[in-house]
Amino acid sequence: YKEKGFYISLICGIVCLAAFGFICMNVFSDGSGEQENAVVA
């Protein structure tokens, strides 16, 4: 059970990190797109 809990915790951590990274990529991509659109305009 200890080993099972460890893997569960590890998987949860990986999922959280992936979600956090996805959110950050969307935020930065939206900001750079607006800046590029503004420059082109």
PDB file of all heavy atoms in Angstrom:
ATOM      1  N   TYR A   1       0.826  -1.197   0.000  1.00  0.00           N
ATOM      2  CA  TYR A   1       0.000   0.000   0.000  1.00  0.00           C
ATOM      3  C   TYR A   1       0.861   1.247   0.000  1.00  0.00           C
ATOM      4  O   TYR A   1       0.513   2.251  -0.613  1.00  0.00           O
ATOM      5  CB  TYR A   1      -0.954   0.025   1.199  1.00  0.00           C
ATOM      6  CG  TYR A   1      -2.094  -0.980   1.057  1.00  0.00           C
ATOM      7  CD1 TYR A   1      -2.078  -2.187   1.797  1.00  0.00           C
ATOM      8  CD2 TYR A   1      -3.170  -0.766   0.213  1.00  0.00           C
ATOM      9  CE1 TYR A   1      -3.114  -3.128   1.689  1.00  0.00           C
ATOM     10  CE2 TYR A   1      -4.206  -1.729   0.106  1.00  0.00           C
ATOM     11  CZ  TYR A   1      -4.183  -2.875   0.811  1.00  0.00           C
ATOM     12  OH  TYR A   1      -5.203  -3.783   0.696  1.00  0.00           O
ATOM     13  N   LYS A   2       1.990   1.128   0.704  1.00  0.00           N
ATOM     14  CA  LYS A   2       2.885   2.289   0.721  1.00  0.00           C
ATOM     15  C   LYS A   2       3.413   2.565  -0.686  1.00  0.00           C
ATOM     16  O   LYS A   2       3.469   3.676  -1.166  1.00  0.00           O
ATOM     17  CB  LYS A   2       4.056   2.072   1.697  1.00  0.00           C
ATOM     18  CG  LYS A   2       3.615   2.141   3.129  1.00  0.00           C
ATOM     19  CD  LYS A   2       4.834   1.974   4.064  1.00  0.00           C
ATOM     20  CE  LYS A   2       4.451   2.014   5.547  1.00  0.00           C
ATOM     21  NZ  LYS A   2       5.579   1.854   6.491  1.00  0.00           N
ATOM     22  N   GLU A   3       3.817   1.538  -1.391  1.00  0.00           N
ATOM     23  CA  GLU A   3       4.344   1.711  -2.743  1.00  0.00           C
ATOM     24  C   GLU A   3       3.238   2.172  -3.683  1.00  0.00           C
ATOM     25  O   GLU A   3       3.459   3.010  -4.543  1.00  0.00           O
ATOM     26  CB  GLU A   3       4.951   0.377  -3.243  1.00  0.00           C
ATOM     27  CG  GLU A   3       6.187  -0.019  -2.478  1.00  0.00           C
ATOM     28  CD  GLU A   3       6.704  -1.350  -2.957  1.00  0.00           C
ATOM     29  OE1 GLU A   3       6.037  -1.986  -3.808  1.00  0.00           O
ATOM     30  OE2 GLU A   3       7.809  -1.736  -2.558  1.00  0.00           O
ATOM     31  N   LYS A   4       2.030   1.664  -3.477  1.00  0.00           N
ATOM     32  CA  LYS A   4       0.898   2.064  -4.313  1.00  0.00           C
ATOM     33  C   LYS A   4       0.559   3.514  -4.101  1.00  0.00           C
ATOM     34  O   LYS A   4       0.319   4.262  -5.041  1.00  0.00           O
ATOM     35  CB  LYS A   4      -0.286   1.163  -3.993  1.00  0.00           C
ATOM     36  CG  LYS A   4      -1.465   1.379  -4.927  1.00  0.00           C
ATOM     37  CD  LYS A   4      -2.542   0.405  -4.575  1.00  0.00           C
ATOM     38  CE  LYS A   4      -3.728   0.574  -5.499  1.00  0.00           C
ATOM     39  NZ  LYS A   4      -4.836  -0.396  -5.190  1.00  0.00           N
ATOM     40  N   GLY A   5       0.636   3.944  -2.850  1.00  0.00           N
ATOM     41  CA  GLY A   5       0.358   5.364  -2.557  1.00  0.00           C
ATOM     42  C   GLY A   5       1.409   6.270  -3.148  1.00  0.00           C
ATOM     43  O   GLY A   5       1.139   7.377  -3.611  1.00  0.00           O
ATOM     44  N   PHE A   6       2.633   5.733  -3.170  1.00  0.00           N
ATOM     45  CA  PHE A   6       3.714   6.545  -3.731  1.00  0.00           C
ATOM     46  C   PHE A   6       3.511   6.768  -5.219  1.00  0.00           C
ATOM     47  O   PHE A   6       3.664   7.870  -5.743  1.00  0.00           O
ATOM     48  CB  PHE A   6       5.056   5.834  -3.481  1.00  0.00           C
ATOM     49  CG  PHE A   6       6.218   6.482  -4.198  1.00  0.00           C
ATOM     50  CD1 PHE A   6       6.798   7.658  -3.718  1.00  0.00           C
ATOM     51  CD2 PHE A   6       6.715   5.933  -5.360  1.00  0.00           C
ATOM     52  CE1 PHE A   6       7.835   8.244  -4.372  1.00  0.00           C
ATOM     53  CE2 PHE A   6       7.761   6.528  -5.997  1.00  0.00           C
ATOM     54  CZ  PHE A   6       8.328   7.671  -5.539  1.00  0.00           C
ATOM     55  N   TYR A   7       3.164   5.761  -5.968  1.00  0.00           N
ATOM     56  CA  TYR A   7       2.955   5.873  -7.402  1.00  0.00           C
ATOM     57  C   TYR A   7       1.756   6.734  -7.709  1.00  0.00           C
ATOM     58  O   TYR A   7       1.777   7.490  -8.684  1.00  0.00           O
ATOM     59  CB  TYR A   7       2.794   4.481  -8.037  1.00  0.00           C
ATOM     60  CG  TYR A   7       4.102   3.726  -8.123  1.00  0.00           C
ATOM     61  CD1 TYR A   7       4.339   2.567  -7.362  1.00  0.00           C
ATOM     62  CD2 TYR A   7       5.106   4.182  -8.980  1.00  0.00           C
ATOM     63  CE1 TYR A   7       5.530   1.877  -7.449  1.00  0.00           C
ATOM     64  CE2 TYR A   7       6.309   3.476  -9.040  1.00  0.00           C
ATOM     65  CZ  TYR A   7       6.519   2.354  -8.306  1.00  0.00           C
ATOM     66  OH  TYR A   7       7.710   1.686  -8.377  1.00  0.00           O
ATOM     67  N   ILE A   8       0.744   6.618  -6.865  1.00  0.00           N
ATOM     68  CA  ILE A   8      -0.456   7.468  -7.084  1.00  0.00           C
ATOM     69  C   ILE A   8      -0.098   8.907  -6.917  1.00  0.00           C
ATOM     70  O   ILE A   8      -0.484   9.786  -7.687  1.00  0.00           O
ATOM     71  CB  ILE A   8      -1.571   7.056  -6.127  1.00  0.00           C
ATOM     72  CG1 ILE A   8      -2.091   5.669  -6.483  1.00  0.00           C
ATOM     73  CG2 ILE A   8      -2.734   8.062  -6.156  1.00  0.00           C
ATOM     74  CD1 ILE A   8      -3.080   5.089  -5.462  1.00  0.00           C
ATOM     75  N   SER A   9       0.672   9.172  -5.823  1.00  0.00           N
ATOM     76  CA  SER A   9       1.078  10.559  -5.599  1.00  0.00           C
ATOM     77  C   SER A   9       1.939  11.057  -6.747  1.00  0.00           C
ATOM     78  O   SER A   9       1.844  12.223  -7.208  1.00  0.00           O
ATOM     79  CB  SER A   9       1.847  10.674  -4.268  1.00  0.00           C
ATOM     80  OG  SER A   9       1.035  10.288  -3.199  1.00  0.00           O
ATOM     81  N   LEU A  10       2.826  10.181  -7.247  1.00  0.00           N
ATOM     82  CA  LEU A  10       3.703  10.597  -8.347  1.00  0.00           C
ATOM     83  C   LEU A  10       2.906  10.906  -9.599  1.00  0.00           C
ATOM     84  O   LEU A  10       3.157  11.900 -10.303  1.00  0.00           O
ATOM     85  CB  LEU A  10       4.721   9.477  -8.620  1.00  0.00           C
ATOM     86  CG  LEU A  10       5.728   9.745  -9.760  1.00  0.00           C
ATOM     87  CD1 LEU A  10       6.543  10.989  -9.439  1.00  0.00           C
ATOM     88  CD2 LEU A  10       6.627   8.521  -9.972  1.00  0.00           C
ATOM     89  N   ILE A  11       1.935  10.058  -9.890  1.00  0.00           N
ATOM     90  CA  ILE A  11       1.110  10.284 -11.092  1.00  0.00           C
ATOM     91  C   ILE A  11       0.318  11.572 -10.970  1.00  0.00           C
ATOM     92  O   ILE A  11       0.209  12.360 -11.923  1.00  0.00           O
ATOM     93  CB  ILE A  11       0.184   9.085 -11.322  1.00  0.00           C
ATOM     94  CG1 ILE A  11       1.020   7.867 -11.719  1.00  0.00           C
ATOM     95  CG2 ILE A  11      -0.863   9.379 -12.400  1.00  0.00           C
ATOM     96  CD1 ILE A  11       0.213   6.560 -11.732  1.00  0.00           C
ATOM     97  N   CYS A  12      -0.215  11.808  -9.748  1.00  0.00           N
ATOM     98  CA  CYS A  12      -0.981  13.058  -9.536  1.00  0.00           C
ATOM     99  C   CYS A  12      -0.098  14.274  -9.731  1.00  0.00           C
ATOM    100  O   CYS A  12      -0.488  15.298 -10.320  1.00  0.00           O
ATOM    101  CB  CYS A  12      -1.589  13.048  -8.128  1.00  0.00           C
ATOM    102  SG  CYS A  12      -2.911  11.828  -7.932  1.00  0.00           S
ATOM    103  N   GLY A  13       1.162  14.154  -9.211  1.00  0.00           N
ATOM    104  CA  GLY A  13       2.076  15.292  -9.384  1.00  0.00           C
ATOM    105  C   GLY A  13       2.386  15.553 -10.849  1.00  0.00           C
ATOM    106  O   GLY A  13       2.466  16.693 -11.317  1.00  0.00           O
ATOM    107  N   ILE A  14       2.586  14.451 -11.596  1.00  0.00           N
ATOM    108  CA  ILE A  14       2.891  14.637 -13.026  1.00  0.00           C
ATOM    109  C   ILE A  14       1.721  15.267 -13.755  1.00  0.00           C
ATOM    110  O   ILE A  14       1.903  16.171 -14.616  1.00  0.00           O
ATOM    111  CB  ILE A  14       3.260  13.286 -13.650  1.00  0.00           C
ATOM    112  CG1 ILE A  14       4.596  12.796 -13.078  1.00  0.00           C
ATOM    113  CG2 ILE A  14       3.352  13.391 -15.180  1.00  0.00           C
ATOM    114  CD1 ILE A  14       4.945  11.372 -13.477  1.00  0.00           C
ATOM    115  N   VAL A  15       0.502  14.813 -13.418  1.00  0.00           N
ATOM    116  CA  VAL A  15      -0.687  15.381 -14.064  1.00  0.00           C
ATOM    117  C   VAL A  15      -0.809  16.852 -13.750  1.00  0.00           C
ATOM    118  O   VAL A  15      -1.133  17.686 -14.614  1.00  0.00           O
ATOM    119  CB  VAL A  15      -1.937  14.594 -13.629  1.00  0.00           C
ATOM    120  CG1 VAL A  15      -3.216  15.298 -14.073  1.00  0.00           C
ATOM    121  CG2 VAL A  15      -1.897  13.185 -14.177  1.00  0.00           C
ATOM    122  N   CYS A  16      -0.548  17.219 -12.465  1.00  0.00           N
ATOM    123  CA  CYS A  16      -0.648  18.646 -12.077  1.00  0.00           C
ATOM    124  C   CYS A  16       0.365  19.488 -12.831  1.00  0.00           C
ATOM    125  O   CYS A  16       0.092  20.598 -13.289  1.00  0.00           O
ATOM    126  CB  CYS A  16      -0.453  18.761 -10.570  1.00  0.00           C
ATOM    127  SG  CYS A  16      -1.835  18.079  -9.623  1.00  0.00           S
ATOM    128  N   LEU A  17       1.599  18.934 -12.932  1.00  0.00           N
ATOM    129  CA  LEU A  17       2.619  19.695 -13.647  1.00  0.00           C
ATOM    130  C   LEU A  17       2.251  19.877 -15.119  1.00  0.00           C
ATOM    131  O   LEU A  17       2.443  20.944 -15.715  1.00  0.00           O
ATOM    132  CB  LEU A  17       3.976  18.967 -13.532  1.00  0.00           C
ATOM    133  CG  LEU A  17       4.635  19.009 -12.144  1.00  0.00           C
ATOM    134  CD1 LEU A  17       5.879  18.112 -12.122  1.00  0.00           C
ATOM    135  CD2 LEU A  17       5.001  20.434 -11.759  1.00  0.00           C
ATOM    136  N   ALA A  18       1.717  18.815 -15.721  1.00  0.00           N
ATOM    137  CA  ALA A  18       1.320  18.927 -17.139  1.00  0.00           C
ATOM    138  C   ALA A  18       0.218  19.939 -17.325  1.00  0.00           C
ATOM    139  O   ALA A  18       0.211  20.750 -18.268  1.00  0.00           O
ATOM    140  CB  ALA A  18       0.886  17.544 -17.650  1.00  0.00           C
ATOM    141  N   ALA A  19      -0.746  19.927 -16.365  1.00  0.00           N
ATOM    142  CA  ALA A  19      -1.847  20.902 -16.482  1.00  0.00           C
ATOM    143  C   ALA A  19      -1.349  22.322 -16.330  1.00  0.00           C
ATOM    144  O   ALA A  19      -1.745  23.251 -17.041  1.00  0.00           O
ATOM    145  CB  ALA A  19      -2.916  20.561 -15.436  1.00  0.00           C
ATOM    146  N   PHE A  20      -0.430  22.487 -15.360  1.00  0.00           N
ATOM    147  CA  PHE A  20       0.111  23.820 -15.123  1.00  0.00           C
ATOM    148  C   PHE A  20       0.882  24.308 -16.353  1.00  0.00           C
ATOM    149  O   PHE A  20       0.779  25.461 -16.794  1.00  0.00           O
ATOM    150  CB  PHE A  20       1.012  23.769 -13.888  1.00  0.00           C
ATOM    151  CG  PHE A  20       1.640  25.098 -13.564  1.00  0.00           C
ATOM    152  CD1 PHE A  20       0.921  26.096 -12.938  1.00  0.00           C
ATOM    153  CD2 PHE A  20       2.975  25.367 -13.897  1.00  0.00           C
ATOM    154  CE1 PHE A  20       1.482  27.307 -12.659  1.00  0.00           C
ATOM    155  CE2 PHE A  20       3.523  26.579 -13.616  1.00  0.00           C
ATOM    156  CZ  PHE A  20       2.794  27.563 -12.993  1.00  0.00           C
ATOM    157  N   GLY A  21       1.663  23.397 -16.928  1.00  0.00           N
ATOM    158  CA  GLY A  21       2.416  23.792 -18.136  1.00  0.00           C
ATOM    159  C   GLY A  21       1.514  24.124 -19.298  1.00  0.00           C
ATOM    160  O   GLY A  21       1.757  25.070 -20.068  1.00  0.00           O
ATOM    161  N   PHE A  22       0.424  23.390 -19.443  1.00  0.00           N
ATOM    162  CA  PHE A  22      -0.520  23.677 -20.561  1.00  0.00           C
ATOM    163  C   PHE A  22      -1.160  25.034 -20.403  1.00  0.00           C
ATOM    164  O   PHE A  22      -1.315  25.795 -21.352  1.00  0.00           O
ATOM    165  CB  PHE A  22      -1.582  22.560 -20.589  1.00  0.00           C
ATOM    166  CG  PHE A  22      -2.614  22.736 -21.642  1.00  0.00           C
ATOM    167  CD1 PHE A  22      -2.316  22.451 -22.970  1.00  0.00           C
ATOM    168  CD2 PHE A  22      -3.877  23.248 -21.336  1.00  0.00           C
ATOM    169  CE1 PHE A  22      -3.250  22.615 -23.952  1.00  0.00           C
ATOM    170  CE2 PHE A  22      -4.807  23.414 -22.324  1.00  0.00           C
ATOM    171  CZ  PHE A  22      -4.510  23.102 -23.633  1.00  0.00           C
ATOM    172  N   ILE A  23      -1.527  25.351 -19.126  1.00  0.00           N
ATOM    173  CA  ILE A  23      -2.165  26.655 -18.860  1.00  0.00           C
ATOM    174  C   ILE A  23      -1.190  27.782 -19.187  1.00  0.00           C
ATOM    175  O   ILE A  23      -1.526  28.802 -19.798  1.00  0.00           O
ATOM    176  CB  ILE A  23      -2.648  26.717 -17.419  1.00  0.00           C
ATOM    177  CG1 ILE A  23      -3.800  25.733 -17.232  1.00  0.00           C
ATOM    178  CG2 ILE A  23      -3.113  28.117 -17.037  1.00  0.00           C
ATOM    179  CD1 ILE A  23      -4.221  25.534 -15.763  1.00  0.00           C
ATOM    180  N   CYS A  24       0.075  27.599 -18.751  1.00  0.00           N
ATOM    181  CA  CYS A  24       1.075  28.657 -18.990  1.00  0.00           C
ATOM    182  C   CYS A  24       1.309  28.874 -20.478  1.00  0.00           C
ATOM    183  O   CYS A  24       1.457  29.999 -20.967  1.00  0.00           O
ATOM    184  CB  CYS A  24       2.383  28.270 -18.277  1.00  0.00           C
ATOM    185  SG  CYS A  24       2.283  28.356 -16.487  1.00  0.00           S
ATOM    186  N   MET A  25       1.341  27.792 -21.235  1.00  0.00           N
ATOM    187  CA  MET A  25       1.569  27.917 -22.679  1.00  0.00           C
ATOM    188  C   MET A  25       0.433  28.688 -23.341  1.00  0.00           C
ATOM    189  O   MET A  25       0.653  29.535 -24.226  1.00  0.00           O
ATOM    190  CB  MET A  25       1.693  26.521 -23.311  1.00  0.00           C
ATOM    191  CG  MET A  25       3.007  25.821 -22.973  1.00  0.00           C
ATOM    192  SD  MET A  25       3.058  24.152 -23.666  1.00  0.00           S
ATOM    193  CE  MET A  25       3.049  24.579 -25.394  1.00  0.00           C
ATOM    194  N   ASN A  26      -0.803  28.417 -22.912  1.00  0.00           N
ATOM    195  CA  ASN A  26      -1.946  29.152 -23.496  1.00  0.00           C
ATOM    196  C   ASN A  26      -1.880  30.627 -23.169  1.00  0.00           C
ATOM    197  O   ASN A  26      -2.166  31.485 -24.007  1.00  0.00           O
ATOM    198  CB  ASN A  26      -3.259  28.564 -22.971  1.00  0.00           C
ATOM    199  CG  ASN A  26      -3.571  27.197 -23.591  1.00  0.00           C
ATOM    200  OD1 ASN A  26      -3.071  26.893 -24.666  1.00  0.00           O
ATOM    201  ND2 ASN A  26      -4.367  26.380 -22.897  1.00  0.00           N
ATOM    202  N   VAL A  27      -1.502  30.915 -21.913  1.00  0.00           N
ATOM    203  CA  VAL A  27      -1.448  32.341 -21.523  1.00  0.00           C
ATOM    204  C   VAL A  27      -0.411  33.079 -22.347  1.00  0.00           C
ATOM    205  O   VAL A  27      -0.628  34.149 -22.895  1.00  0.00           O
ATOM    206  CB  VAL A  27      -1.157  32.450 -20.022  1.00  0.00           C
ATOM    207  CG1 VAL A  27      -0.863  33.898 -19.641  1.00  0.00           C
ATOM    208  CG2 VAL A  27      -2.340  31.922 -19.235  1.00  0.00           C
ATOM    209  N   PHE A  28       0.818  32.460 -22.418  1.00  0.00           N
ATOM    210  CA  PHE A  28       1.883  33.155 -23.162  1.00  0.00           C
ATOM    211  C   PHE A  28       1.603  33.239 -24.650  1.00  0.00           C
ATOM    212  O   PHE A  28       1.899  34.224 -25.299  1.00  0.00           O
ATOM    213  CB  PHE A  28       3.224  32.445 -22.923  1.00  0.00           C
ATOM    214  CG  PHE A  28       3.813  32.734 -21.564  1.00  0.00           C
ATOM    215  CD1 PHE A  28       3.869  31.748 -20.587  1.00  0.00           C
ATOM    216  CD2 PHE A  28       4.300  33.999 -21.236  1.00  0.00           C
ATOM    217  CE1 PHE A  28       4.401  32.002 -19.343  1.00  0.00           C
ATOM    218  CE2 PHE A  28       4.828  34.245 -19.995  1.00  0.00           C
ATOM    219  CZ  PHE A  28       4.878  33.258 -19.028  1.00  0.00           C
ATOM    220  N   SER A  29       0.996  32.157 -25.198  1.00  0.00           N
ATOM    221  CA  SER A  29       0.686  32.199 -26.626  1.00  0.00           C
ATOM    222  C   SER A  29      -0.355  33.236 -26.953  1.00  0.00           C
ATOM    223  O   SER A  29      -0.276  33.940 -27.944  1.00  0.00           O
ATOM    224  CB  SER A  29       0.224  30.808 -27.093  1.00  0.00           C
ATOM    225  OG  SER A  29      -0.981  30.458 -26.422  1.00  0.00           O
ATOM    226  N   ASP A  30      -1.351  33.431 -26.100  1.00  0.00           N
ATOM    227  CA  ASP A  30      -2.385  34.467 -26.332  1.00  0.00           C
ATOM    228  C   ASP A  30      -1.783  35.838 -26.279  1.00  0.00           C
ATOM    229  O   ASP A  30      -2.071  36.725 -27.082  1.00  0.00           O
ATOM    230  CB  ASP A  30      -3.495  34.329 -25.303  1.00  0.00           C
ATOM    231  CG  ASP A  30      -4.323  33.053 -25.502  1.00  0.00           C
ATOM    232  OD1 ASP A  30      -4.276  32.520 -26.663  1.00  0.00           O
ATOM    233  OD2 ASP A  30      -4.975  32.629 -24.562  1.00  0.00           O
ATOM    234  N   GLY A  31      -0.886  36.057 -25.340  1.00  0.00           N
ATOM    235  CA  GLY A  31      -0.281  37.395 -25.206  1.00  0.00           C
ATOM    236  C   GLY A  31       0.601  37.726 -26.382  1.00  0.00           C
ATOM    237  O   GLY A  31       0.578  38.827 -26.928  1.00  0.00           O
ATOM    238  N   SER A  32       1.450  36.772 -26.850  1.00  0.00           N
ATOM    239  CA  SER A  32       2.342  37.040 -27.988  1.00  0.00           C
ATOM    240  C   SER A  32       1.561  37.213 -29.266  1.00  0.00           C
ATOM    241  O   SER A  32       1.905  38.017 -30.128  1.00  0.00           O
ATOM    242  CB  SER A  32       3.359  35.893 -28.132  1.00  0.00           C
ATOM    243  OG  SER A  32       2.676  34.679 -28.401  1.00  0.00           O
ATOM    244  N   GLY A  33       0.445  36.464 -29.428  1.00  0.00           N
ATOM    245  CA  GLY A  33      -0.392  36.612 -30.633  1.00  0.00           C
ATOM    246  C   GLY A  33      -1.007  37.975 -30.728  1.00  0.00           C
ATOM    247  O   GLY A  33      -1.053  38.596 -31.782  1.00  0.00           O
ATOM    248  N   GLU A  34      -1.485  38.456 -29.563  1.00  0.00           N
ATOM    249  CA  GLU A  34      -2.068  39.807 -29.581  1.00  0.00           C
ATOM    250  C   GLU A  34      -1.016  40.851 -29.914  1.00  0.00           C
ATOM    251  O   GLU A  34      -1.270  41.798 -30.656  1.00  0.00           O
ATOM    252  CB  GLU A  34      -2.685  40.095 -28.209  1.00  0.00           C
ATOM    253  CG  GLU A  34      -3.931  39.262 -27.934  1.00  0.00           C
ATOM    254  CD  GLU A  34      -4.485  39.510 -26.522  1.00  0.00           C
ATOM    255  OE1 GLU A  34      -3.862  40.330 -25.806  1.00  0.00           O
ATOM    256  OE2 GLU A  34      -5.504  38.932 -26.190  1.00  0.00           O
ATOM    257  N   GLN A  35       0.211  40.622 -29.329  1.00  0.00           N
ATOM    258  CA  GLN A  35       1.267  41.594 -29.629  1.00  0.00           C
ATOM    259  C   GLN A  35       1.621  41.565 -31.104  1.00  0.00           C
ATOM    260  O   GLN A  35       1.825  42.607 -31.739  1.00  0.00           O
ATOM    261  CB  GLN A  35       2.507  41.265 -28.780  1.00  0.00           C
ATOM    262  CG  GLN A  35       2.311  41.574 -27.295  1.00  0.00           C
ATOM    263  CD  GLN A  35       3.545  41.209 -26.469  1.00  0.00           C
ATOM    264  OE1 GLN A  35       4.505  40.680 -27.023  1.00  0.00           O
ATOM    265  NE2 GLN A  35       3.494  41.489 -25.158  1.00  0.00           N
ATOM    266  N   GLU A  36       1.737  40.293 -31.693  1.00  0.00           N
ATOM    267  CA  GLU A  36       2.066  40.205 -33.104  1.00  0.00           C
ATOM    268  C   GLU A  36       0.976  40.823 -33.957  1.00  0.00           C
ATOM    269  O   GLU A  36       1.264  41.551 -34.921  1.00  0.00           O
ATOM    270  CB  GLU A  36       2.262  38.735 -33.510  1.00  0.00           C
ATOM    271  CG  GLU A  36       3.523  38.141 -32.928  1.00  0.00           C
ATOM    272  CD  GLU A  36       3.623  36.663 -33.265  1.00  0.00           C
ATOM    273  OE1 GLU A  36       2.697  36.152 -33.933  1.00  0.00           O
ATOM    274  OE2 GLU A  36       4.624  36.046 -32.898  1.00  0.00           O
ATOM    275  N   ASN A  37      -0.289  40.576 -33.602  1.00  0.00           N
ATOM    276  CA  ASN A  37      -1.391  41.188 -34.362  1.00  0.00           C
ATOM    277  C   ASN A  37      -1.350  42.697 -34.280  1.00  0.00           C
ATOM    278  O   ASN A  37      -1.633  43.409 -35.237  1.00  0.00           O
ATOM    279  CB  ASN A  37      -2.738  40.662 -33.844  1.00  0.00           C
ATOM    280  CG  ASN A  37      -2.923  39.187 -34.143  1.00  0.00           C
ATOM    281  OD1 ASN A  37      -2.303  38.682 -35.090  1.00  0.00           O
ATOM    282  ND2 ASN A  37      -3.731  38.488 -33.350  1.00  0.00           N
ATOM    283  N   ALA A  38      -1.002  43.219 -33.110  1.00  0.00           N
ATOM    284  CA  ALA A  38      -0.932  44.676 -32.951  1.00  0.00           C
ATOM    285  C   ALA A  38       0.176  45.263 -33.799  1.00  0.00           C
ATOM    286  O   ALA A  38       0.037  46.312 -34.428  1.00  0.00           O
ATOM    287  CB  ALA A  38      -0.719  45.019 -31.463  1.00  0.00           C
ATOM    288  N   VAL A  39       1.344  44.545 -33.832  1.00  0.00           N
ATOM    289  CA  VAL A  39       2.473  45.048 -34.629  1.00  0.00           C
ATOM    290  C   VAL A  39       2.129  45.038 -36.098  1.00  0.00           C
ATOM    291  O   VAL A  39       2.387  45.985 -36.834  1.00  0.00           O
ATOM    292  CB  VAL A  39       3.723  44.188 -34.353  1.00  0.00           C
ATOM    293  CG1 VAL A  39       4.828  44.556 -35.336  1.00  0.00           C
ATOM    294  CG2 VAL A  39       4.196  44.387 -32.923  1.00  0.00           C
ATOM    295  N   VAL A  40       1.498  43.889 -36.563  1.00  0.00           N
ATOM    296  CA  VAL A  40       1.104  43.808 -37.972  1.00  0.00           C
ATOM    297  C   VAL A  40       0.103  44.886 -38.318  1.00  0.00           C
ATOM    298  O   VAL A  40       0.157  45.519 -39.374  1.00  0.00           O
ATOM    299  CB  VAL A  40       0.531  42.401 -38.281  1.00  0.00           C
ATOM    300  CG1 VAL A  40      -0.073  42.372 -39.667  1.00  0.00           C
ATOM    301  CG2 VAL A  40       1.604  41.361 -38.120  1.00  0.00           C
ATOM    302  N   ALA A  41      -0.842  45.124 -37.408  1.00  0.00           N
ATOM    303  CA  ALA A  41      -1.858  46.158 -37.666  1.00  0.00           C
ATOM    304  C   ALA A  41      -1.220  47.519 -37.803  1.00  0.00           C
ATOM    305  O   ALA A  41      -1.579  48.322 -38.638  1.00  0.00           O
ATOM    306  CB  ALA A  41      -2.909  46.139 -36.537  1.00  0.00           C
TER     307      ALA A  41
END
